[in-house]
C-alpha atoms as a PDB file:
ATOM      1  CA  MET A   1     -50.119-204.461 -96.671  1.00  0.00           C
ATOM      2  CA  LYS A   2     -53.122-204.384 -95.072  1.00  0.00           C
ATOM      3  CA  PRO A   3     -53.523-204.311 -91.156  1.00  0.00           C
ATOM      4  CA  THR A   4     -55.039-207.257 -88.955  1.00  0.00           C
ATOM      5  CA  SER A   5     -56.497-206.711 -85.927  1.00  0.00           C
ATOM      6  CA  VAL A   6     -55.426-207.800 -81.824  1.00  0.00           C
ATOM      7  CA  THR A   7     -58.657-209.628 -80.357  1.00  0.00           C
ATOM      8  CA  SER A   8     -59.491-208.951 -76.662  1.00  0.00           C
ATOM      9  CA  LYS A   9     -56.845-212.133 -76.230  1.00  0.00           C
ATOM     10  CA  GLY A  10     -54.157-209.933 -77.639  1.00  0.00           C
ATOM     11  CA  GLN A  11     -53.962-212.926 -80.711  1.00  0.00           C
ATOM     12  CA  VAL A  12     -53.908-211.485 -84.464  1.00  0.00           C
ATOM     13  CA  THR A  13     -53.917-213.806 -87.913  1.00  0.00           C
ATOM     14  CA  ILE A  14     -51.331-213.810 -89.913  1.00  0.00           C
ATOM     15  CA  PRO A  15     -51.829-212.915 -93.683  1.00  0.00           C
ATOM     16  CA  ASN A  16     -51.932-216.235 -95.691  1.00  0.00           C
ATOM     17  CA  GLU A  17     -49.023-215.117 -97.966  1.00  0.00           C
ATOM     18  CA  ILE A  18     -46.392-214.564 -95.323  1.00  0.00           C
ATOM     19  CA  ARG A  19     -47.828-217.373 -93.756  1.00  0.00           C
ATOM     20  CA  GLN A  20     -46.980-218.857 -96.987  1.00  0.00           C
ATOM     21  CA  LYS A  21     -44.017-217.060 -97.680  1.00  0.00           C
ATOM     22  CA  LEU A  22     -41.870-218.494 -94.011  1.00  0.00           C
ATOM     23  CA  GLY A  23     -43.535-221.768 -93.970  1.00  0.00           C
ATOM     24  CA  ILE A  24     -45.409-221.180 -91.049  1.00  0.00           C
ATOM     25  CA  ARG A  25     -48.908-223.903 -90.172  1.00  0.00           C
ATOM     26  CA  ALA A  26     -50.387-224.939 -87.471  1.00  0.00           C
ATOM     27  CA  GLY A  27     -48.341-225.823 -84.704  1.00  0.00           C
ATOM     28  CA  SER A  28     -45.226-224.038 -85.974  1.00  0.00           C
ATOM     29  CA  ARG A  29     -43.171-221.724 -83.453  1.00  0.00           C
ATOM     30  CA  VAL A  30     -42.719-218.689 -83.041  1.00  0.00           C
ATOM     31  CA  ILE A  31     -40.617-215.819 -81.152  1.00  0.00           C
ATOM     32  CA  TRP A  32     -41.384-211.893 -80.627  1.00  0.00           C
ATOM     33  CA  ARG A  33     -38.705-209.441 -80.963  1.00  0.00           C
ATOM     34  CA  VAL A  34     -38.798-205.846 -79.515  1.00  0.00           C
ATOM     35  CA  SER A  35     -36.868-204.100 -81.766  1.00  0.00           C
ATOM     36  CA  GLY A  36     -37.683-199.716 -81.128  1.00  0.00           C
ATOM     37  CA  ASP A  37     -40.858-198.745 -81.954  1.00  0.00           C
ATOM     38  CA  HIS A  38     -41.625-202.272 -83.850  1.00  0.00           C
ATOM     39  CA  ALA A  39     -42.045-206.018 -82.838  1.00  0.00           C
ATOM     40  CA  GLU A  40     -40.641-208.887 -85.236  1.00  0.00           C
ATOM     41  CA  LEU A  41     -42.094-212.240 -85.293  1.00  0.00           C
ATOM     42  CA  ILE A  42     -39.553-215.114 -86.285  1.00  0.00           C
ATOM     43  CA  VAL A  43     -40.237-218.229 -87.166  1.00  0.00           C
ATOM     44  CA  ALA A  44     -37.699-221.043 -84.534  1.00  0.00           C
ATOM     45  CA  ASP A  45     -38.810-224.202 -86.282  1.00  0.00           C
ATOM     46  CA  PRO A  46     -37.719-224.472 -89.857  1.00  0.00           C
ATOM     47  CA  PRO A  47     -40.788-225.115 -92.334  1.00  0.00           C
ATOM     48  CA  VAL A  48     -40.980-228.709 -92.111  1.00  0.00           C
ATOM     49  CA  ASP A  49     -41.514-229.813 -96.203  1.00  0.00           C
ATOM     50  CA  LEU A  50     -45.438-231.600 -96.903  1.00  0.00           C
ATOM     51  CA  PRO A  51     -45.320-235.059 -97.976  1.00  0.00           C
ATOM     52  CA  VAL A  52     -44.994-235.410-101.276  1.00  0.00           C
ATOM     53  CA  LYS A  53     -47.124-238.690-101.266  1.00  0.00           C
ATOM     54  CA  GLY A  54     -50.156-239.427 -99.338  1.00  0.00           C
ATOM     55  CA  PHE A  55     -50.734-242.885 -99.528  1.00  0.00           C
ATOM     56  CA  GLY A  56     -51.356-243.743 -95.920  1.00  0.00           C
ATOM     57  CA  LEU A  57     -52.704-240.453 -94.695  1.00  0.00           C
ATOM     58  CA  LEU A  58     -56.404-241.475 -95.267  1.00  0.00           C
ATOM     59  CA  ARG A  59     -58.437-243.781 -93.289  1.00  0.00           C
ATOM     60  CA  SER A  60     -61.369-245.580 -95.060  1.00  0.00           C
ATOM     61  CA  SER A  61     -64.453-247.135 -93.290  1.00  0.00           C
ATOM     62  CA  ARG A  62     -64.687-249.377 -96.963  1.00  0.00           C
ATOM     63  CA  LYS A  63     -63.073-252.492 -96.813  1.00  0.00           C
ATOM     64  CA  SER A  64     -59.865-253.050 -98.511  1.00  0.00           C
ATOM     65  CA  VAL A  65     -59.446-254.872-101.830  1.00  0.00           C
ATOM     66  CA  PRO A  66     -57.339-257.527-102.337  1.00  0.00           C
ATOM     67  CA  ALA A  67     -54.063-256.596-103.756  1.00  0.00           C
ATOM     68  CA  ASP A  68     -54.750-259.473-107.005  1.00  0.00           C
ATOM     69  CA  PHE A  69     -58.165-258.027-107.226  1.00  0.00           C
ATOM     70  CA  ASP A  70     -58.922-257.909-111.528  1.00  0.00           C
ATOM     71  CA  VAL A  71     -61.422-255.208-112.172  1.00  0.00           C
ATOM     72  CA  ALA A  72     -61.774-257.096-115.655  1.00  0.00           C
ATOM     73  CA  VAL A  73     -64.422-258.781-114.024  1.00  0.00           C
ATOM     74  CA  LEU A  74     -66.711-256.104-112.627  1.00  0.00           C
ATOM     75  CA  VAL A  75     -67.004-256.238-117.085  1.00  0.00           C
ATOM     76  CA  ASP A  76     -70.555-257.308-118.188  1.00  0.00           C
ATOM     77  CA  GLU A  77     -69.983-259.099-121.914  1.00  0.00           C
ATOM     78  CA  LYS A  78     -73.012-259.466-123.291  1.00  0.00           C
END
């Protein structure tokens, strides 16, 4: 594993592969434990499953289309 740097504020970046394996996302809470000469990072909150469906997650500035709208009226038959 490639070493990471500590910023002047004491912040470190957790490598992506570790975040994915442990389920760490923005807002995840972790616990630090010092054990001898090393530190352990423990995920405090169990990972929350990501939504399977995305319905309702995005907002659009366009007008909504009525549920009974027939797209066949858009076809130009000549």
